[in-house]
């Protein structure tokens, strides 16, 4: 199932572990974005608001950060929506983690320890596909 979320922790490993524990199965992140916390939180609010109807609410009394399969949204749809928001809003501090470091899984603890000192090694500018 396709989902999304944010973390403000230095190591996204904590967040992937939370997702893994909640479904009792290893999870992975297909994409990670990095930027100023206020812009990341605002971007997530925009995704939640603009894609509200696509969000799953079957197992909860509130909408979850998972997309309901009945809408047939694919990863590329979510990637393009996020890229459009980053480029056109604009969120000038948000960059995407390079493909060579993805997917991010429970086996990748500490992978981004040097991201703040060497962001160009890890990050690319966001582009529309």
Protein backbone atom coordinates (compact mmCIF):
# COMPACT_ATOMS: atom_id res chain seq x y z
CA UNK A 1 0.00 0.00 0.00
CA UNK A 2 1.26 3.45 -0.87
CA UNK A 3 1.78 5.89 1.99
CA UNK A 4 3.66 9.03 2.94
CA UNK A 5 4.82 10.83 6.04
CA UNK A 6 7.49 13.05 7.52
CA UNK A 7 10.13 12.89 10.18
CA UNK A 8 12.12 15.68 11.73
CA UNK A 9 14.66 13.29 13.21
CA UNK A 10 18.21 13.22 11.91
CA UNK A 11 18.03 9.53 10.99
CA UNK A 12 14.93 8.39 9.05
CA UNK A 13 15.65 4.89 10.38
CA UNK A 14 13.51 5.65 13.45
CA UNK A 15 10.56 6.49 11.23
CA UNK A 16 10.86 3.44 8.97
CA UNK A 17 10.99 1.31 12.14
CA UNK A 18 7.76 2.92 13.40
CA UNK A 19 6.01 2.07 10.14
CA UNK A 20 7.45 -1.46 10.21
CA UNK A 21 6.33 -2.10 13.78
CA UNK A 22 2.79 -0.85 13.16
CA UNK A 23 2.22 -3.39 10.37
CA UNK A 24 4.55 -6.09 11.78
CA UNK A 25 6.52 -6.23 8.54
CA UNK A 26 9.64 -4.52 7.19
CA UNK A 27 8.83 -1.31 5.33
CA UNK A 28 10.89 0.88 3.04
CA UNK A 29 10.82 4.44 1.79
CA UNK A 30 10.94 4.77 -1.99
CA UNK A 31 11.65 8.50 -1.78
CA UNK A 32 13.03 10.81 0.86
CA UNK A 33 13.09 14.59 0.77
CA UNK A 34 15.26 16.85 2.88
CA UNK A 35 14.79 20.50 3.74
CA UNK A 36 13.84 23.13 6.25
CA UNK A 37 11.44 21.61 8.83
CA UNK A 38 8.82 24.34 8.37
CA UNK A 39 8.72 23.70 4.60
CA UNK A 40 8.57 19.92 5.05
CA UNK A 41 5.65 20.24 7.50
CA UNK A 42 3.85 22.64 5.16
CA UNK A 43 4.38 20.29 2.21
CA UNK A 44 2.90 17.41 4.20
CA UNK A 45 -0.12 19.57 5.12
CA UNK A 46 -0.62 20.34 1.43
CA UNK A 47 -0.46 16.65 0.50
CA UNK A 48 -2.93 15.75 3.26
CA UNK A 49 -5.32 18.53 2.25
CA UNK A 50 -5.19 18.26 -1.53
CA UNK A 51 -5.19 14.45 -1.57
CA UNK A 52 -7.66 14.06 1.30
CA UNK A 53 -10.20 12.13 -0.76
CA UNK A 54 -7.54 9.57 -1.74
CA UNK A 55 -6.52 8.85 1.86
CA UNK A 56 -7.53 5.63 3.59
CA UNK A 57 -9.97 5.83 6.50
CA UNK A 58 -11.18 2.25 6.59
CA UNK A 59 -9.32 1.22 9.76
CA UNK A 60 -9.59 4.43 11.73
CA UNK A 61 -11.96 7.24 12.58
CA UNK A 62 -9.57 9.65 10.87
CA UNK A 63 -7.87 9.72 7.50
CA UNK A 64 -4.52 7.92 7.50
CA UNK A 65 -1.27 8.66 5.65
CA UNK A 66 -1.95 5.70 3.37
CA UNK A 67 -3.64 6.03 0.00
CA UNK A 68 -6.77 3.95 -0.49
CA UNK A 69 -6.16 1.39 -3.26
CA UNK A 70 -9.66 1.99 -4.69
CA UNK A 71 -8.36 5.27 -6.20
CA UNK A 72 -5.62 3.40 -8.11
CA UNK A 73 -2.98 6.03 -7.34
CA UNK A 74 0.50 4.88 -8.30
CA UNK A 75 3.86 5.93 -6.89
CA UNK A 76 4.52 8.10 -9.96
CA UNK A 77 1.28 10.03 -9.27
CA UNK A 78 2.41 10.86 -5.74
CA UNK A 79 5.96 11.67 -6.88
CA UNK A 80 4.67 14.07 -9.54
CA UNK A 81 2.26 15.75 -7.14
CA UNK A 82 5.02 16.28 -4.55
CA UNK A 83 7.47 17.52 -7.21
CA UNK A 84 4.88 19.96 -8.53
CA UNK A 85 4.30 21.30 -5.02
CA UNK A 86 8.04 21.68 -4.35
CA UNK A 87 8.75 23.43 -7.64
CA UNK A 88 5.66 25.59 -7.98
CA UNK A 89 4.85 26.50 -4.39
CA UNK A 90 7.93 26.92 -4.15
CA UNK A 91 9.67 25.12 -1.35
CA UNK A 92 13.16 26.37 -2.06
CA UNK A 93 14.97 24.35 0.63
CA UNK A 94 13.51 20.92 -0.19
CA UNK A 95 15.68 18.55 -2.17
CA UNK A 96 15.29 14.85 -2.98
CA UNK A 97 17.63 12.11 -1.79
CA UNK A 98 19.54 10.69 -4.77
CA UNK A 99 18.27 7.44 -6.29
CA UNK A 100 21.52 5.63 -5.48
CA UNK A 101 20.65 5.85 -1.76
CA UNK A 102 17.12 4.51 -2.19
CA UNK A 103 15.09 2.58 -1.24
CA UNK A 104 15.64 3.28 2.43
CA UNK A 105 14.90 0.33 4.71
CA UNK A 106 15.43 -0.90 8.26
CA UNK A 107 18.93 -2.02 7.21
CA UNK A 108 20.07 1.56 6.54
CA UNK A 109 20.52 2.99 10.03
CA UNK A 110 22.99 5.87 9.99
CA UNK A 111 23.13 6.11 6.19
CA UNK A 112 22.69 9.89 6.19
CA UNK A 113 24.96 10.75 9.13
CA UNK A 114 26.86 13.31 7.00
CA UNK A 115 23.93 14.83 5.13
CA UNK A 116 24.19 18.24 6.81
CA UNK A 117 27.94 18.52 6.22
CA UNK A 118 27.87 17.18 2.67
CA UNK A 119 24.35 17.66 1.24
CA UNK A 120 25.51 17.59 -2.42
CA UNK A 121 26.68 14.01 -1.95
CA UNK A 122 23.17 12.91 -0.96
CA UNK A 123 20.69 15.33 -2.52
CA UNK A 124 19.40 16.35 -5.97
CA UNK A 125 17.18 19.18 -7.06
CA UNK A 126 13.53 18.16 -7.45
CA UNK A 127 12.34 17.92 -11.07
CA UNK A 128 9.07 17.02 -12.72
CA UNK A 129 9.10 13.79 -14.73
